[in-house]
C-alpha atoms as a PDB file:
ATOM      1  CA  MET A   1       0.011  -0.175   0.538  1.00  0.00           C
ATOM      2  CA  CYS A   2       1.316   3.978   0.217  1.00  0.00           C
ATOM      3  CA  HIS A   3       3.059   3.084   3.085  1.00  0.00           C
ATOM      4  CA  ALA A   4       5.762   1.202   0.656  1.00  0.00           C
ATOM      5  CA  LEU A   5       6.252   3.827  -0.801  1.00  0.00           C
ATOM      6  CA  PHE A   6       8.479   4.951   1.653  1.00  0.00           C
ATOM      7  CA  LEU A   7      11.101   2.381   1.277  1.00  0.00           C
ATOM      8  CA  ASP A   8      10.773   3.087  -2.356  1.00  0.00           C
ATOM      9  CA  PRO A   9      13.589   5.230  -3.562  1.00  0.00           C
ATOM     10  CA  LYS A  10      12.621   5.107  -6.989  1.00  0.00           C
ATOM     11  CA  PHE A  11       9.464   7.504  -5.986  1.00  0.00           C
ATOM     12  CA  PHE A  12      12.025   9.862  -3.563  1.00  0.00           C
ATOM     13  CA  ARG A  13      14.080  10.472  -7.056  1.00  0.00           C
ATOM     14  CA  LEU A  14      10.348  11.222  -8.674  1.00  0.00           C
ATOM     15  CA  LEU A  15       9.495  13.430  -6.050  1.00  0.00           C
ATOM     16  CA  LEU A  16      13.234  15.053  -7.119  1.00  0.00           C
ATOM     17  CA  ASP A  17      12.550  15.906 -10.014  1.00  0.00           C
ATOM     18  CA  ILE A  18       9.271  17.129 -10.606  1.00  0.00           C
ATOM     19  CA  ASP A  19      10.863  19.810  -7.663  1.00  0.00           C
ATOM     20  CA  HIS A  20      13.595  20.663 -10.429  1.00  0.00           C
ATOM     21  CA  GLU A  21      10.867  21.220 -12.676  1.00  0.00           C
ATOM     22  CA  LEU A  22       9.100  23.521 -10.835  1.00  0.00           C
ATOM     23  CA  ALA A  23      12.030  24.721  -9.481  1.00  0.00           C
ATOM     24  CA  ALA A  24      12.803  25.896 -13.381  1.00  0.00           C
ATOM     25  CA  GLN A  25       9.861  26.712 -14.501  1.00  0.00           C
ATOM     26  CA  ARG A  26       9.997  29.650 -11.237  1.00  0.00           C
ATOM     27  CA  ARG A  27      13.347  30.327 -12.589  1.00  0.00           C
ATOM     28  CA  VAL A  28      11.800  31.290 -15.842  1.00  0.00           C
ATOM     29  CA  GLY A  29       9.111  33.113 -14.766  1.00  0.00           C
ATOM     30  CA  GLY A  30      12.245  35.893 -13.496  1.00  0.00           C
ATOM     31  CA  CYS A  31      11.952  38.026 -11.012  1.00  0.00           C
ATOM     32  CA  SER A  32       8.339  40.551 -10.795  1.00  0.00           C
ATOM     33  CA  CYS A  33      10.807  44.003 -10.803  1.00  0.00           C
ATOM     34  CA  GLY A  34      12.538  42.266 -13.902  1.00  0.00           C
ATOM     35  CA  GLY A  35      15.104  41.454 -12.481  1.00  0.00           C
ATOM     36  CA  VAL A  36      17.374  37.563 -12.628  1.00  0.00           C
ATOM     37  CA  LEU A  37      16.782  34.430 -10.438  1.00  0.00           C
ATOM     38  CA  HIS A  38      19.638  32.780  -9.078  1.00  0.00           C
ATOM     39  CA  ARG A  39      20.162  30.199  -7.175  1.00  0.00           C
ATOM     40  CA  ALA A  40      19.731  30.768  -2.827  1.00  0.00           C
ATOM     41  CA  ASP A  41      18.571  26.623  -2.304  1.00  0.00           C
ATOM     42  CA  TYR A  42      17.651  27.323   1.935  1.00  0.00           C
ATOM     43  CA  PRO A  43      18.706  23.532   4.349  1.00  0.00           C
ATOM     44  CA  ARG A  44      16.239  21.997   5.005  1.00  0.00           C
ATOM     45  CA  LYS A  45      16.467  18.860   7.920  1.00  0.00           C
ATOM     46  CA  PRO A  46      13.320  16.529   6.438  1.00  0.00           C
ATOM     47  CA  ARG A  47      11.931  13.664   8.595  1.00  0.00           C
ATOM     48  CA  GLY A  48       9.899  11.001   7.225  1.00  0.00           C
ATOM     49  CA  CYS A  49      12.906  10.436   4.636  1.00  0.00           C
ATOM     50  CA  LEU A  50      14.068   7.333   2.942  1.00  0.00           C
ATOM     51  CA  ASN A  51      18.581   7.412   4.500  1.00  0.00           C
ATOM     52  CA  GLU A  52      19.094   6.487   1.069  1.00  0.00           C
ATOM     53  CA  ALA A  53      17.860  10.199  -0.228  1.00  0.00           C
ATOM     54  CA  ARG A  54      18.224  12.583   2.304  1.00  0.00           C
ATOM     55  CA  ALA A  55      21.149  14.300   0.966  1.00  0.00           C
ATOM     56  CA  ASP A  56      19.236  15.195  -1.989  1.00  0.00           C
ATOM     57  CA  TYR A  57      15.906  16.587   0.522  1.00  0.00           C
ATOM     58  CA  GLN A  58      18.404  18.528   2.066  1.00  0.00           C
ATOM     59  CA  SER A  59      17.990  21.863   0.069  1.00  0.00           C
ATOM     60  CA  ARG A  60      14.827  24.208  -1.217  1.00  0.00           C
ATOM     61  CA  PHE A  61      14.912  25.098  -4.118  1.00  0.00           C
ATOM     62  CA  SER A  62      14.323  29.113  -3.641  1.00  0.00           C
ATOM     63  CA  PHE A  63      15.930  31.816  -5.981  1.00  0.00           C
ATOM     64  CA  CYS A  64      16.930  35.746  -5.307  1.00  0.00           C
ATOM     65  CA  CYS A  65      16.476  39.326  -7.081  1.00  0.00           C
ATOM     66  CA  SER A  66      19.940  39.936  -8.783  1.00  0.00           C
ATOM     67  CA  LYS A  67      18.469  43.497  -8.406  1.00  0.00           C
ATOM     68  CA  CYS A  68      15.641  43.434  -5.761  1.00  0.00           C
ATOM     69  CA  ARG A  69      17.135  41.090  -3.582  1.00  0.00           C
ATOM     70  CA  LYS A  70      13.322  39.742  -2.659  1.00  0.00           C
ATOM     71  CA  ARG A  71      13.629  36.014  -1.702  1.00  0.00           C
ATOM     72  CA  SER A  72      11.431  33.358  -4.606  1.00  0.00           C
ATOM     73  CA  THR A  73      10.841  29.878  -3.781  1.00  0.00           C
ATOM     74  CA  SER A  74       9.225  27.362  -5.474  1.00  0.00           C
ATOM     75  CA  MET A  75       6.478  25.459  -5.112  1.00  0.00           C
ATOM     76  CA  SER A  76       7.392  21.470  -4.448  1.00  0.00           C
ATOM     77  CA  VAL A  77       5.405  18.187  -4.024  1.00  0.00           C
ATOM     78  CA  ARG A  78       8.536  17.188  -1.892  1.00  0.00           C
ATOM     79  CA  PHE A  79       7.567  19.677   0.936  1.00  0.00           C
ATOM     80  CA  LEU A  80       4.449  21.312   2.176  1.00  0.00           C
ATOM     81  CA  GLY A  81       5.129  23.924   3.374  1.00  0.00           C
ATOM     82  CA  ARG A  82       7.642  25.348   6.823  1.00  0.00           C
ATOM     83  CA  ARG A  83       6.639  22.035   8.129  1.00  0.00           C
ATOM     84  CA  VAL A  84      10.065  19.614   9.126  1.00  0.00           C
ATOM     85  CA  TYR A  85       7.728  16.098   7.526  1.00  0.00           C
ATOM     86  CA  LEU A  86       8.202  15.563   3.988  1.00  0.00           C
ATOM     87  CA  ALA A  87       5.040  16.578   1.573  1.00  0.00           C
ATOM     88  CA  LEU A  88       5.084  12.776   2.429  1.00  0.00           C
ATOM     89  CA  ALA A  89       4.613  11.736   5.805  1.00  0.00           C
ATOM     90  CA  VAL A  90       1.890  14.651   6.473  1.00  0.00           C
ATOM     91  CA  VAL A  91      -0.239  12.824   3.741  1.00  0.00           C
ATOM     92  CA  LEU A  92       0.227   9.400   4.527  1.00  0.00           C
ATOM     93  CA  GLY A  93       0.415   9.725   8.622  1.00  0.00           C
ATOM     94  CA  SER A  94      -3.111  12.603   8.242  1.00  0.00           C
ATOM     95  CA  ALA A  95      -4.746   9.477   5.868  1.00  0.00           C
ATOM     96  CA  ARG A  96      -4.197   6.503   7.721  1.00  0.00           C
ATOM     97  CA  HIS A  97      -4.320   8.514  11.852  1.00  0.00           C
ATOM     98  CA  ALA A  98      -8.343   9.190   9.923  1.00  0.00           C
ATOM     99  CA  GLY A  99      -9.573   5.972  10.041  1.00  0.00           C
ATOM    100  CA  GLN A 100      -7.828   5.004  13.725  1.00  0.00           C
ATOM    101  CA  ASN A 101      -6.670   1.948  12.370  1.00  0.00           C
ATOM    102  CA  PRO A 102      -3.813  -0.336  13.614  1.00  0.00           C
ATOM    103  CA  ALA A 103      -1.206   0.629   9.892  1.00  0.00           C
ATOM    104  CA  ALA A 104      -1.435   4.294  11.181  1.00  0.00           C
ATOM    105  CA  ALA A 105       0.102   3.162  14.697  1.00  0.00           C
ATOM    106  CA  ARG A 106       2.635   0.907  11.880  1.00  0.00           C
ATOM    107  CA  LEU A 107       3.547   4.364  10.197  1.00  0.00           C
ATOM    108  CA  CYS A 108       3.919   6.044  12.860  1.00  0.00           C
ATOM    109  CA  THR A 109       6.220   4.079  14.397  1.00  0.00           C
ATOM    110  CA  THR A 110       8.643   3.706  11.288  1.00  0.00           C
ATOM    111  CA  LEU A 111       8.475   7.479  10.727  1.00  0.00           C
ATOM    112  CA  ASN A 112       9.005   8.746  14.304  1.00  0.00           C
ATOM    113  CA  VAL A 113       5.875  11.041  14.285  1.00  0.00           C
ATOM    114  CA  PRO A 114       4.822  11.719  17.523  1.00  0.00           C
ATOM    115  CA  VAL A 115       1.444  11.387  18.279  1.00  0.00           C
ATOM    116  CA  ARG A 116       0.510  15.125  18.697  1.00  0.00           C
ATOM    117  CA  THR A 117       2.456  15.785  15.157  1.00  0.00           C
ATOM    118  CA  LEU A 118      -0.309  13.260  14.220  1.00  0.00           C
ATOM    119  CA  GLN A 119      -2.939  15.431  16.180  1.00  0.00           C
ATOM    120  CA  ARG A 120      -2.362  18.837  15.066  1.00  0.00           C
ATOM    121  CA  TRP A 121      -1.747  17.658  11.272  1.00  0.00           C
ATOM    122  CA  ARG A 122      -5.449  15.862  11.281  1.00  0.00           C
ATOM    123  CA  GLN A 123      -6.409  19.304  12.248  1.00  0.00           C
ATOM    124  CA  TRP A 124      -4.612  21.853  10.167  1.00  0.00           C
ATOM    125  CA  TRP A 125      -6.084  19.161   7.025  1.00  0.00           C
ATOM    126  CA  VAL A 126      -9.674  19.640   9.157  1.00  0.00           C
ATOM    127  CA  GLU A 127     -10.315  22.726   9.355  1.00  0.00           C
ATOM    128  CA  GLN A 128      -7.631  24.735   8.365  1.00  0.00           C
ATOM    129  CA  PHE A 129      -7.279  22.633   4.579  1.00  0.00           C
ATOM    130  CA  PRO A 130     -10.723  23.927   3.411  1.00  0.00           C
ATOM    131  CA  LEU A 131     -10.084  27.300   3.934  1.00  0.00           C
ATOM    132  CA  THR A 132      -7.503  27.724   1.236  1.00  0.00           C
ATOM    133  CA  PRO A 133      -7.722  29.504  -1.120  1.00  0.00           C
ATOM    134  CA  LEU A 134      -6.577  26.078  -3.535  1.00  0.00           C
ATOM    135  CA  TRP A 135      -9.330  24.435  -2.209  1.00  0.00           C
ATOM    136  CA  HIS A 136     -11.832  27.444  -1.908  1.00  0.00           C
ATOM    137  CA  ALA A 137     -10.970  27.239  -6.201  1.00  0.00           C
ATOM    138  CA  ALA A 138     -10.686  24.071  -6.812  1.00  0.00           C
ATOM    139  CA  SER A 139     -13.693  22.126  -4.574  1.00  0.00           C
ATOM    140  CA  ALA A 140     -16.475  22.904  -7.002  1.00  0.00           C
ATOM    141  CA  ARG A 141     -14.805  20.344  -9.584  1.00  0.00           C
ATOM    142  CA  PHE A 142     -15.399  17.232  -6.855  1.00  0.00           C
ATOM    143  CA  MET A 143     -18.658  15.896  -7.240  1.00  0.00           C
ATOM    144  CA  PRO A 144     -19.976  14.652  -5.117  1.00  0.00           C
ATOM    145  CA  PRO A 145     -17.738  17.457  -2.835  1.00  0.00           C
ATOM    146  CA  VAL A 146     -15.514  15.872  -0.734  1.00  0.00           C
ATOM    147  CA  ALA A 147     -16.111  14.822   2.634  1.00  0.00           C
ATOM    148  CA  THR A 148     -13.529  17.229   4.650  1.00  0.00           C
ATOM    149  CA  ASP A 149     -13.997  16.094   8.164  1.00  0.00           C
ATOM    150  CA  LEU A 150     -11.967  13.159   6.636  1.00  0.00           C
ATOM    151  CA  PHE A 151      -9.291  14.881   4.885  1.00  0.00           C
ATOM    152  CA  PRO A 152      -6.849  14.048   3.225  1.00  0.00           C
ATOM    153  CA  ALA A 153      -8.116  10.345   2.703  1.00  0.00           C
ATOM    154  CA  SER A 154     -11.123  11.707   1.873  1.00  0.00           C
ATOM    155  CA  LEU A 155      -9.111  13.374  -1.046  1.00  0.00           C
ATOM    156  CA  LEU A 156      -6.519  11.160  -1.864  1.00  0.00           C
ATOM    157  CA  GLU A 157      -9.246   8.416  -2.831  1.00  0.00           C
ATOM    158  CA  ARG A 158     -10.700  11.112  -5.629  1.00  0.00           C
ATOM    159  CA  PHE A 159      -7.284  11.097  -6.945  1.00  0.00           C
ATOM    160  CA  ALA A 160      -6.908   8.058 -10.073  1.00  0.00           C
ATOM    161  CA  GLY A 161      -4.840   4.906 -10.489  1.00  0.00           C
ATOM    162  CA  ASN A 162      -2.808   2.929  -8.292  1.00  0.00           C
ATOM    163  CA  ALA A 163      -2.258   4.046  -4.541  1.00  0.00           C
ATOM    164  CA  ASP A 164       1.661   5.740  -5.753  1.00  0.00           C
ATOM    165  CA  GLN A 165       0.617   7.504  -9.052  1.00  0.00           C
ATOM    166  CA  ALA A 166      -2.979   8.518  -6.756  1.00  0.00           C
ATOM    167  CA  LEU A 167      -0.448  10.227  -4.132  1.00  0.00           C
ATOM    168  CA  MET A 168       1.337  11.358  -6.419  1.00  0.00           C
ATOM    169  CA  ARG A 169      -1.806  13.420  -8.216  1.00  0.00           C
ATOM    170  CA  LEU A 170      -2.461  14.769  -4.801  1.00  0.00           C
ATOM    171  CA  LEU A 171       1.105  16.010  -3.800  1.00  0.00           C
ATOM    172  CA  VAL A 172       0.767  18.134  -7.626  1.00  0.00           C
ATOM    173  CA  PHE A 173      -2.700  19.962  -6.882  1.00  0.00           C
ATOM    174  CA  LEU A 174      -1.897  20.800  -3.024  1.00  0.00           C
ATOM    175  CA  ARG A 175       2.035  22.569  -4.811  1.00  0.00           C
ATOM    176  CA  PRO A 176      -0.057  26.334  -4.148  1.00  0.00           C
ATOM    177  CA  ILE A 177      -0.221  25.251  -1.076  1.00  0.00           C
ATOM    178  CA  THR A 178       4.183  25.179   0.094  1.00  0.00           C
ATOM    179  CA  VAL A 179       4.727  28.711  -0.966  1.00  0.00           C
ATOM    180  CA  GLY A 180       3.492  31.520   1.477  1.00  0.00           C
ATOM    181  CA  THR A 181       3.060  31.949   4.123  1.00  0.00           C
ATOM    182  CA  THR A 182      -0.873  32.523   4.638  1.00  0.00           C
ATOM    183  CA  ALA A 183      -1.976  28.751   2.644  1.00  0.00           C
ATOM    184  CA  LEU A 184       0.249  27.167   5.937  1.00  0.00           C
ATOM    185  CA  ARG A 185      -0.717  28.871   9.686  1.00  0.00           C
ATOM    186  CA  GLU A 186       0.345  25.930  11.153  1.00  0.00           C
ATOM    187  CA  GLY A 187       4.850  25.641  10.410  1.00  0.00           C
ATOM    188  CA  ARG A 188       5.705  22.639  11.551  1.00  0.00           C
END
């Protein structure tokens, strides 16, 4: 199932490749002042990361303008805002926790996620995610409506494909909330 993706280096590499593409798109867009964007990645200490992929996940792609010096961070499928756990861990941990099943307990043990952290993630999914501009813009596309009290599991079910394809599509869907400070109020 989805928890097997935490042990699959190919899936972590796929996420990295997508982030490289998103960073390239951001860089080509340039700065609003007309300046050129130079690479200025910042370090991360990712939790919930496969040991073989940790080196590739220790920085978040970001840029700095050559004129105004304003920082511009590209969207990401690896990171969910400022959270220290990878987006993959936040989504799967919250989805498993939503059902309160034994698989959630195993996943928490595997990722070393405290129960309080899972509870915060669940609270964010149920209370804050439905208020984000992303969900306001996209919620009408899902018919019948998605059960927001079961986020993210109910949202994950709406994406087609096998488990890894559905998860990838959900992470790509969530990429707009990975930048900006207003979309993710609770940072960890």
